[in-house]
Amino acid sequence: MKIGVFDSGLGGLAIAQAIMRRLPDYDYLYLGDTKRVPYGGRSQETIHEFTSQAMSYLFDHDCQLIILACNTASAEALRKTQQEYLPRHFPDRRVLGVIIPTAEACFETGDVGKIGVLATDSTVASKAYERELLRQNPNVAVFQVAAPLLVPIVENEGLKYVDPILDDYLAPLIEAKVDRIVLGCTHYCLLKREIRAKVGLPVVSQDEVVPEKLGDYLQRHPEIDIHLSRDRSCEYHVTDVTSGYMRFAFELAGGPIQLHKVTLT
């Protein structure tokens, strides 16, 4: 059986590629709901509905374990998925998000008193990172900044315009004298070098965190790992294909990949 990786669009390819580099022996199925991206701004009910459809698709296509690489889905749908959807439909399968492992990584090195979170509007509004960071350390101060322009810049070859926009978004976090910054969106992995150069602080990037956490999870859960096939295969499924999506997928994957158009119901 495969490891599934789901995102509302193609940003999760950055996470998927990092996982495949760290754990190359397994079989993978990536699913991007490009027809309905972005999920941010939709109601929690709708996000859960879309996420459930994606989970059913991946489970029906032989996935044992699914990584919700979408921060919005992790923030708004993961708990309900784990507590209601899985027990009812697929009690022997597992779904993991990206927020908890990302928050855990913030406290693994050095003293941390203040953490900055750079994320999309919906993820900031959900306060998912704030809740999880405070759950792990009630004494930490969390400063969140919504950065809605970064995703379209990354997706539309706009990196030459990003410097002043990053300066604007990072200014409140620098002013707050945070000890480290969390990149709370999969797209932001592509900007980690620029952000690190600007802030001179530890920057927690999900493409570096999630693969290590997944490897640790599989070691701790042999009852899951034993069901995973190891033929080094990978398929990429999306709900809509355009020339722009093909270009962006090429950029994220570091080479040509074949996107298969599918339908979620």
C-alpha atoms as a PDB file:
ATOM      1  CA  MET A   1       0.000   0.000   0.000  1.00  0.00           C
ATOM      2  CA  LYS A   2       1.061   3.576  -0.670  1.00  0.00           C
ATOM      3  CA  ILE A   3       1.762   6.769   1.225  1.00  0.00           C
ATOM      4  CA  GLY A   4      -0.652   9.456   0.057  1.00  0.00           C
ATOM      5  CA  VAL A   5       0.184  13.150   0.089  1.00  0.00           C
ATOM      6  CA  PHE A   6      -2.690  15.607  -0.294  1.00  0.00           C
ATOM      7  CA  ASP A   7      -2.784  19.345  -0.887  1.00  0.00           C
ATOM      8  CA  SER A   8      -5.485  21.675  -2.120  1.00  0.00           C
ATOM      9  CA  GLY A   9      -3.144  22.547  -4.983  1.00  0.00           C
ATOM     10  CA  LEU A  10       0.418  21.934  -6.054  1.00  0.00           C
ATOM     11  CA  GLY A  11       2.304  23.566  -3.178  1.00  0.00           C
ATOM     12  CA  GLY A  12       2.340  20.227  -1.384  1.00  0.00           C
ATOM     13  CA  LEU A  13       4.644  18.895  -4.079  1.00  0.00           C
ATOM     14  CA  ALA A  14       7.476  20.599  -2.184  1.00  0.00           C
ATOM     15  CA  ILE A  15       6.631  18.433   0.831  1.00  0.00           C
ATOM     16  CA  ALA A  16       6.071  15.308  -1.283  1.00  0.00           C
ATOM     17  CA  GLN A  17       9.408  15.641  -3.064  1.00  0.00           C
ATOM     18  CA  ALA A  18      11.210  16.155   0.247  1.00  0.00           C
ATOM     19  CA  ILE A  19       9.530  13.054   1.708  1.00  0.00           C
ATOM     20  CA  MET A  20      10.508  10.988  -1.329  1.00  0.00           C
ATOM     21  CA  ARG A  21      14.128  12.084  -1.008  1.00  0.00           C
ATOM     22  CA  ARG A  22      14.163  11.173   2.685  1.00  0.00           C
ATOM     23  CA  LEU A  23      12.196   7.909   2.284  1.00  0.00           C
ATOM     24  CA  PRO A  24      12.822   6.830  -1.318  1.00  0.00           C
ATOM     25  CA  ASP A  25      11.901   3.151  -1.039  1.00  0.00           C
ATOM     26  CA  TYR A  26       8.156   3.596  -0.522  1.00  0.00           C
ATOM     27  CA  ASP A  27       5.350   3.996  -3.069  1.00  0.00           C
ATOM     28  CA  TYR A  28       3.571   7.347  -3.231  1.00  0.00           C
ATOM     29  CA  LEU A  29       0.397   8.889  -4.616  1.00  0.00           C
ATOM     30  CA  TYR A  30       0.154  12.682  -4.684  1.00  0.00           C
ATOM     31  CA  LEU A  31      -3.253  14.329  -5.011  1.00  0.00           C
ATOM     32  CA  GLY A  32      -3.764  18.036  -5.634  1.00  0.00           C
ATOM     33  CA  ASP A  33      -7.291  19.471  -5.767  1.00  0.00           C
ATOM     34  CA  THR A  34      -6.267  22.080  -8.338  1.00  0.00           C
ATOM     35  CA  LYS A  35      -9.839  22.538  -9.559  1.00  0.00           C
ATOM     36  CA  ARG A  36     -10.946  24.000  -6.218  1.00  0.00           C
ATOM     37  CA  VAL A  37      -7.747  25.600  -4.941  1.00  0.00           C
ATOM     38  CA  PRO A  38      -7.425  27.590  -2.725  1.00  0.00           C
ATOM     39  CA  TYR A  39      -9.260  26.175   0.292  1.00  0.00           C
ATOM     40  CA  GLY A  40      -8.517  29.265   2.369  1.00  0.00           C
ATOM     41  CA  GLY A  41     -11.563  31.492   2.743  1.00  0.00           C
ATOM     42  CA  ARG A  42     -14.006  28.597   2.541  1.00  0.00           C
ATOM     43  CA  SER A  43     -16.107  27.498   5.507  1.00  0.00           C
ATOM     44  CA  GLN A  44     -14.840  24.795   7.823  1.00  0.00           C
ATOM     45  CA  GLU A  45     -17.722  22.579   6.686  1.00  0.00           C
ATOM     46  CA  THR A  46     -16.708  22.916   3.034  1.00  0.00           C
ATOM     47  CA  ILE A  47     -13.024  22.342   3.785  1.00  0.00           C
ATOM     48  CA  HIS A  48     -13.920  19.165   5.661  1.00  0.00           C
ATOM     49  CA  GLU A  49     -16.172  18.045   2.781  1.00  0.00           C
ATOM     50  CA  PHE A  50     -13.436  18.570   0.201  1.00  0.00           C
ATOM     51  CA  THR A  51     -10.832  16.933   2.430  1.00  0.00           C
ATOM     52  CA  SER A  52     -13.068  13.905   3.031  1.00  0.00           C
ATOM     53  CA  GLN A  53     -13.522  13.476  -0.715  1.00  0.00           C
ATOM     54  CA  ALA A  54      -9.749  13.590  -1.178  1.00  0.00           C
ATOM     55  CA  MET A  55      -9.189  11.090   1.633  1.00  0.00           C
ATOM     56  CA  SER A  56     -11.722   8.683   0.125  1.00  0.00           C
ATOM     57  CA  TYR A  57     -10.028   8.952  -3.256  1.00  0.00           C
ATOM     58  CA  LEU A  58      -6.585   8.218  -1.841  1.00  0.00           C
ATOM     59  CA  PHE A  59      -7.781   5.371   0.364  1.00  0.00           C
ATOM     60  CA  ASP A  60      -9.698   3.872  -2.562  1.00  0.00           C
ATOM     61  CA  HIS A  61      -6.440   4.025  -4.530  1.00  0.00           C
ATOM     62  CA  ASP A  62      -4.550   1.851  -2.081  1.00  0.00           C
ATOM     63  CA  CYS A  63      -3.126   4.374   0.386  1.00  0.00           C
ATOM     64  CA  GLN A  64      -2.525   3.175   3.936  1.00  0.00           C
ATOM     65  CA  LEU A  65      -1.294   6.490   5.320  1.00  0.00           C
ATOM     66  CA  ILE A  66      -2.045  10.039   4.155  1.00  0.00           C
ATOM     67  CA  ILE A  67      -0.132  13.228   4.864  1.00  0.00           C
ATOM     68  CA  LEU A  68      -2.280  16.373   4.769  1.00  0.00           C
ATOM     69  CA  ALA A  69       0.354  18.654   3.265  1.00  0.00           C
ATOM     70  CA  CYS A  70      -2.241  21.429   3.099  1.00  0.00           C
ATOM     71  CA  ASN A  71      -1.983  23.698   6.151  1.00  0.00           C
ATOM     72  CA  THR A  72      -5.594  24.844   5.714  1.00  0.00           C
ATOM     73  CA  ALA A  73      -6.874  21.264   5.691  1.00  0.00           C
ATOM     74  CA  SER A  74      -4.625  20.396   8.635  1.00  0.00           C
ATOM     75  CA  ALA A  75      -5.969  23.377  10.567  1.00  0.00           C
ATOM     76  CA  GLU A  76      -9.644  23.007   9.723  1.00  0.00           C
ATOM     77  CA  ALA A  77     -10.295  19.324   8.956  1.00  0.00           C
ATOM     78  CA  LEU A  78      -7.650  17.068  10.496  1.00  0.00           C
ATOM     79  CA  ARG A  79      -9.207  16.601  13.922  1.00  0.00           C
ATOM     80  CA  LYS A  80     -12.659  15.836  12.537  1.00  0.00           C
ATOM     81  CA  THR A  81     -11.099  13.518   9.972  1.00  0.00           C
ATOM     82  CA  GLN A  82      -9.255  11.573  12.664  1.00  0.00           C
ATOM     83  CA  GLN A  83     -12.098  11.493  15.175  1.00  0.00           C
ATOM     84  CA  GLU A  84     -15.121  10.956  12.905  1.00  0.00           C
ATOM     85  CA  TYR A  85     -14.249  10.139   9.286  1.00  0.00           C
ATOM     86  CA  LEU A  86     -11.590   7.478   9.869  1.00  0.00           C
ATOM     87  CA  PRO A  87     -13.443   5.441  12.550  1.00  0.00           C
ATOM     88  CA  ARG A  88     -16.546   5.402  10.364  1.00  0.00           C
ATOM     89  CA  HIS A  89     -14.962   4.638   6.989  1.00  0.00           C
ATOM     90  CA  PHE A  90     -11.336   3.487   7.270  1.00  0.00           C
ATOM     91  CA  PRO A  91     -10.528   2.536  10.875  1.00  0.00           C
ATOM     92  CA  ASP A  92      -7.312   0.749   9.903  1.00  0.00           C
ATOM     93  CA  ARG A  93      -5.846   3.727   8.005  1.00  0.00           C
ATOM     94  CA  ARG A  94      -4.087   6.861   9.258  1.00  0.00           C
ATOM     95  CA  VAL A  95      -4.115  10.577   8.382  1.00  0.00           C
ATOM     96  CA  LEU A  96      -1.400  12.924   9.644  1.00  0.00           C
ATOM     97  CA  GLY A  97      -1.166  16.709   9.372  1.00  0.00           C
ATOM     98  CA  VAL A  98       1.742  19.137   9.115  1.00  0.00           C
ATOM     99  CA  ILE A  99       0.963  21.592  11.915  1.00  0.00           C
ATOM    100  CA  ILE A 100       1.833  19.402  14.925  1.00  0.00           C
ATOM    101  CA  PRO A 101       5.232  18.236  13.595  1.00  0.00           C
ATOM    102  CA  THR A 102       6.062  21.785  12.530  1.00  0.00           C
ATOM    103  CA  ALA A 103       5.206  23.105  15.982  1.00  0.00           C
ATOM    104  CA  GLU A 104       7.242  20.335  17.625  1.00  0.00           C
ATOM    105  CA  ALA A 105      10.292  21.310  15.583  1.00  0.00           C
ATOM    106  CA  CYS A 106      10.198  24.824  17.049  1.00  0.00           C
ATOM    107  CA  PHE A 107      11.221  23.574  20.475  1.00  0.00           C
ATOM    108  CA  GLU A 108      13.830  20.980  19.562  1.00  0.00           C
ATOM    109  CA  THR A 109      16.843  23.306  19.478  1.00  0.00           C
ATOM    110  CA  GLY A 110      17.738  26.325  21.598  1.00  0.00           C
ATOM    111  CA  ASP A 111      15.741  28.467  24.003  1.00  0.00           C
ATOM    112  CA  VAL A 112      12.484  29.768  22.567  1.00  0.00           C
ATOM    113  CA  GLY A 113      10.451  32.564  24.131  1.00  0.00           C
ATOM    114  CA  LYS A 114       8.849  34.127  21.055  1.00  0.00           C
ATOM    115  CA  ILE A 115       7.784  32.433  17.831  1.00  0.00           C
ATOM    116  CA  GLY A 116       6.648  34.140  14.658  1.00  0.00           C
ATOM    117  CA  VAL A 117       4.246  32.420  12.266  1.00  0.00           C
ATOM    118  CA  LEU A 118       4.047  33.425   8.612  1.00  0.00           C
ATOM    119  CA  ALA A 119       0.996  31.840   6.989  1.00  0.00           C
ATOM    120  CA  THR A 120      -2.042  32.374   4.773  1.00  0.00           C
ATOM    121  CA  ASP A 121      -5.079  34.360   5.909  1.00  0.00           C
ATOM    122  CA  SER A 122      -7.128  31.242   6.661  1.00  0.00           C
ATOM    123  CA  THR A 123      -4.380  29.500   8.631  1.00  0.00           C
ATOM    124  CA  VAL A 124      -3.734  32.618  10.706  1.00  0.00           C
ATOM    125  CA  ALA A 125      -7.471  33.095  11.311  1.00  0.00           C
ATOM    126  CA  SER A 126      -7.820  29.482  12.450  1.00  0.00           C
ATOM    127  CA  LYS A 127      -5.193  30.071  15.193  1.00  0.00           C
ATOM    128  CA  ALA A 128      -4.170  26.429  14.721  1.00  0.00           C
ATOM    129  CA  TYR A 129      -0.469  27.187  15.073  1.00  0.00           C
ATOM    130  CA  GLU A 130      -1.036  29.399  18.088  1.00  0.00           C
ATOM    131  CA  ARG A 131      -3.052  26.682  19.825  1.00  0.00           C
ATOM    132  CA  GLU A 132      -0.530  23.956  19.071  1.00  0.00           C
ATOM    133  CA  LEU A 133       2.524  26.016  20.027  1.00  0.00           C
ATOM    134  CA  LEU A 134       0.887  27.032  23.310  1.00  0.00           C
ATOM    135  CA  ARG A 135      -0.154  23.453  23.967  1.00  0.00           C
ATOM    136  CA  GLN A 136       3.454  22.382  23.720  1.00  0.00           C
ATOM    137  CA  ASN A 137       4.793  25.364  25.661  1.00  0.00           C
ATOM    138  CA  PRO A 138       2.246  27.522  27.530  1.00  0.00           C
ATOM    139  CA  ASN A 139       4.909  30.144  28.206  1.00  0.00           C
ATOM    140  CA  VAL A 140       5.797  30.904  24.595  1.00  0.00           C
ATOM    141  CA  ALA A 141       4.574  34.112  22.931  1.00  0.00           C
ATOM    142  CA  VAL A 142       3.189  33.625  19.416  1.00  0.00           C
ATOM    143  CA  PHE A 143       3.084  36.387  16.795  1.00  0.00           C
ATOM    144  CA  GLN A 144       1.213  35.650  13.567  1.00  0.00           C
ATOM    145  CA  VAL A 145       1.384  37.489  10.250  1.00  0.00           C
ATOM    146  CA  ALA A 146      -0.846  36.729   7.267  1.00  0.00           C
ATOM    147  CA  ALA A 147       1.019  36.799   3.957  1.00  0.00           C
ATOM    148  CA  PRO A 148      -1.638  36.431   1.234  1.00  0.00           C
ATOM    149  CA  LEU A 149       0.518  37.675  -1.652  1.00  0.00           C
ATOM    150  CA  LEU A 150       3.232  35.042  -1.358  1.00  0.00           C
ATOM    151  CA  VAL A 151       1.307  32.118  -2.872  1.00  0.00           C
ATOM    152  CA  PRO A 152       0.361  33.894  -6.134  1.00  0.00           C
ATOM    153  CA  ILE A 153       3.901  35.265  -6.401  1.00  0.00           C
ATOM    154  CA  VAL A 154       5.399  31.785  -6.087  1.00  0.00           C
ATOM    155  CA  GLU A 155       2.899  30.241  -8.495  1.00  0.00           C
ATOM    156  CA  ASN A 156       3.245  32.924 -11.177  1.00  0.00           C
ATOM    157  CA  GLU A 157       7.001  33.340 -11.547  1.00  0.00           C
ATOM    158  CA  GLY A 158       6.941  36.518  -9.499  1.00  0.00           C
ATOM    159  CA  LEU A 159      10.027  35.992  -7.345  1.00  0.00           C
ATOM    160  CA  LYS A 160      11.659  39.108  -8.793  1.00  0.00           C
ATOM    161  CA  TYR A 161       8.949  41.125  -7.037  1.00  0.00           C
ATOM    162  CA  VAL A 162       9.142  39.348  -3.688  1.00  0.00           C
ATOM    163  CA  ASP A 163      11.802  41.329  -1.799  1.00  0.00           C
ATOM    164  CA  PRO A 164       9.758  44.383  -0.727  1.00  0.00           C
ATOM    165  CA  ILE A 165       6.703  42.217  -0.020  1.00  0.00           C
ATOM    166  CA  LEU A 166       8.737  39.909   2.217  1.00  0.00           C
ATOM    167  CA  ASP A 167      10.223  42.926   3.981  1.00  0.00           C
ATOM    168  CA  ASP A 168       6.723  44.179   4.732  1.00  0.00           C
ATOM    169  CA  TYR A 169       5.466  40.836   6.045  1.00  0.00           C
ATOM    170  CA  LEU A 170       8.579  40.116   8.107  1.00  0.00           C
ATOM    171  CA  ALA A 171       8.832  43.571   9.688  1.00  0.00           C
ATOM    172  CA  PRO A 172       6.321  42.909  12.529  1.00  0.00           C
ATOM    173  CA  LEU A 173       8.067  39.660  13.434  1.00  0.00           C
ATOM    174  CA  ILE A 174      11.489  41.307  13.460  1.00  0.00           C
ATOM    175  CA  GLU A 175      10.086  44.172  15.520  1.00  0.00           C
ATOM    176  CA  ALA A 176       8.636  41.653  17.994  1.00  0.00           C
ATOM    177  CA  LYS A 177      12.140  40.134  18.321  1.00  0.00           C
ATOM    178  CA  VAL A 178      10.954  36.585  17.744  1.00  0.00           C
ATOM    179  CA  ASP A 179      13.458  33.774  18.291  1.00  0.00           C
ATOM    180  CA  ARG A 180      12.420  31.835  15.188  1.00  0.00           C
ATOM    181  CA  ILE A 181       9.895  31.930  12.366  1.00  0.00           C
ATOM    182  CA  VAL A 182       7.548  29.175  11.229  1.00  0.00           C
ATOM    183  CA  LEU A 183       6.668  29.005   7.531  1.00  0.00           C
ATOM    184  CA  GLY A 184       3.047  27.910   7.826  1.00  0.00           C
ATOM    185  CA  CYS A 185       2.318  27.294   4.145  1.00  0.00           C
ATOM    186  CA  THR A 186       3.780  24.705   1.796  1.00  0.00           C
ATOM    187  CA  HIS A 187       4.507  27.341  -0.859  1.00  0.00           C
ATOM    188  CA  TYR A 188       6.743  29.251   1.518  1.00  0.00           C
ATOM    189  CA  CYS A 189       9.324  26.454   1.400  1.00  0.00           C
ATOM    190  CA  LEU A 190      10.385  27.954  -1.921  1.00  0.00           C
ATOM    191  CA  LEU A 191      11.172  31.248  -0.167  1.00  0.00           C
ATOM    192  CA  LYS A 192      13.080  29.895   2.820  1.00  0.00           C
ATOM    193  CA  ARG A 193      16.495  30.999   1.559  1.00  0.00           C
ATOM    194  CA  GLU A 194      15.327  34.564   0.974  1.00  0.00           C
ATOM    195  CA  ILE A 195      13.607  34.682   4.364  1.00  0.00           C
ATOM    196  CA  ARG A 196      16.606  33.269   6.224  1.00  0.00           C
ATOM    197  CA  ALA A 197      18.886  35.807   4.581  1.00  0.00           C
ATOM    198  CA  LYS A 198      16.608  38.648   5.669  1.00  0.00           C
ATOM    199  CA  VAL A 199      15.975  37.671   9.292  1.00  0.00           C
ATOM    200  CA  GLY A 200      19.164  35.910  10.395  1.00  0.00           C
ATOM    201  CA  LEU A 201      17.033  33.664  12.631  1.00  0.00           C
ATOM    202  CA  PRO A 202      16.139  29.968  12.669  1.00  0.00           C
ATOM    203  CA  VAL A 203      13.374  29.402  10.122  1.00  0.00           C
ATOM    204  CA  VAL A 204      11.238  26.259  10.421  1.00  0.00           C
ATOM    205  CA  SER A 205      10.385  25.038   6.916  1.00  0.00           C
ATOM    206  CA  GLN A 206       7.982  22.140   6.452  1.00  0.00           C
ATOM    207  CA  ASP A 207       9.932  20.480   3.652  1.00  0.00           C
ATOM    208  CA  GLU A 208      12.737  19.962   6.174  1.00  0.00           C
ATOM    209  CA  VAL A 209      10.554  18.986   9.136  1.00  0.00           C
ATOM    210  CA  VAL A 210       7.826  16.699   7.787  1.00  0.00           C
ATOM    211  CA  PRO A 211      10.054  14.049   6.126  1.00  0.00           C
ATOM    212  CA  GLU A 212      12.066  13.545   9.320  1.00  0.00           C
ATOM    213  CA  LYS A 213       8.914  13.383  11.445  1.00  0.00           C
ATOM    214  CA  LEU A 214       7.334  10.882   9.051  1.00  0.00           C
ATOM    215  CA  GLY A 215      10.412   8.678   9.171  1.00  0.00           C
ATOM    216  CA  ASP A 216      10.270   8.755  12.957  1.00  0.00           C
ATOM    217  CA  TYR A 217       6.539   7.974  12.922  1.00  0.00           C
ATOM    218  CA  LEU A 218       7.028   4.911  10.734  1.00  0.00           C
ATOM    219  CA  GLN A 219       9.770   3.646  13.035  1.00  0.00           C
ATOM    220  CA  ARG A 220       7.487   4.035  16.036  1.00  0.00           C
ATOM    221  CA  HIS A 221       4.509   2.443  14.271  1.00  0.00           C
ATOM    222  CA  PRO A 222       5.650  -0.805  12.634  1.00  0.00           C
ATOM    223  CA  GLU A 223       2.000  -1.887  12.449  1.00  0.00           C
ATOM    224  CA  ILE A 224       1.562   0.851   9.800  1.00  0.00           C
ATOM    225  CA  ASP A 225       4.957   0.527   8.167  1.00  0.00           C
ATOM    226  CA  ILE A 226       4.554  -3.192   7.527  1.00  0.00           C
ATOM    227  CA  HIS A 227       1.629  -2.538   5.161  1.00  0.00           C
ATOM    228  CA  LEU A 228       3.556  -0.057   2.982  1.00  0.00           C
ATOM    229  CA  SER A 229       4.895  -1.330  -0.344  1.00  0.00           C
ATOM    230  CA  ARG A 230       8.401  -0.480  -1.453  1.00  0.00           C
ATOM    231  CA  ASP A 231       8.673  -0.352  -5.233  1.00  0.00           C
ATOM    232  CA  ARG A 232       9.875   3.298  -5.423  1.00  0.00           C
ATOM    233  CA  SER A 233       6.859   4.312  -7.514  1.00  0.00           C
ATOM    234  CA  CYS A 234       5.087   7.660  -7.540  1.00  0.00           C
ATOM    235  CA  GLU A 235       1.986   8.979  -9.269  1.00  0.00           C
ATOM    236  CA  TYR A 236       0.690  12.546  -9.397  1.00  0.00           C
ATOM    237  CA  HIS A 237      -3.067  13.111  -9.616  1.00  0.00           C
ATOM    238  CA  VAL A 238      -4.796  16.494  -9.905  1.00  0.00           C
ATOM    239  CA  THR A 239      -8.368  17.622 -10.432  1.00  0.00           C
ATOM    240  CA  ASP A 240      -7.486  20.143 -13.150  1.00  0.00           C
ATOM    241  CA  VAL A 241      -4.542  20.538 -15.523  1.00  0.00           C
ATOM    242  CA  THR A 242      -3.395  23.781 -17.154  1.00  0.00           C
ATOM    243  CA  SER A 243      -0.145  24.910 -18.723  1.00  0.00           C
ATOM    244  CA  GLY A 244       0.480  26.975 -15.599  1.00  0.00           C
ATOM    245  CA  TYR A 245       0.051  23.941 -13.373  1.00  0.00           C
ATOM    246  CA  MET A 246       2.408  21.944 -15.584  1.00  0.00           C
ATOM    247  CA  ARG A 247       5.058  24.653 -15.344  1.00  0.00           C
ATOM    248  CA  PHE A 248       4.700  24.994 -11.576  1.00  0.00           C
ATOM    249  CA  ALA A 249       4.811  21.207 -11.096  1.00  0.00           C
ATOM    250  CA  PHE A 250       8.001  21.084 -13.178  1.00  0.00           C
ATOM    251  CA  GLU A 251       9.539  23.768 -10.966  1.00  0.00           C
ATOM    252  CA  LEU A 252       8.572  22.057  -7.699  1.00  0.00           C
ATOM    253  CA  ALA A 253       9.613  18.586  -8.835  1.00  0.00           C
ATOM    254  CA  GLY A 254      12.865  19.764 -10.355  1.00  0.00           C
ATOM    255  CA  GLY A 255      11.981  18.126 -13.658  1.00  0.00           C
ATOM    256  CA  PRO A 256       9.103  16.850 -15.787  1.00  0.00           C
ATOM    257  CA  ILE A 257       6.363  14.860 -14.103  1.00  0.00           C
ATOM    258  CA  GLN A 258       3.096  13.545 -15.499  1.00  0.00           C
ATOM    259  CA  LEU A 259      -0.066  14.998 -13.962  1.00  0.00           C
ATOM    260  CA  HIS A 260      -3.095  12.677 -14.259  1.00  0.00           C
ATOM    261  CA  LYS A 261      -6.452  14.467 -14.219  1.00  0.00           C
ATOM    262  CA  VAL A 262      -9.002  12.832 -11.896  1.00  0.00           C
ATOM    263  CA  THR A 263     -12.414  13.607 -10.404  1.00  0.00           C
ATOM    264  CA  LEU A 264     -13.303  13.759  -6.722  1.00  0.00           C
ATOM    265  CA  THR A 265     -16.824  12.890  -5.583  1.00  0.00           C
END
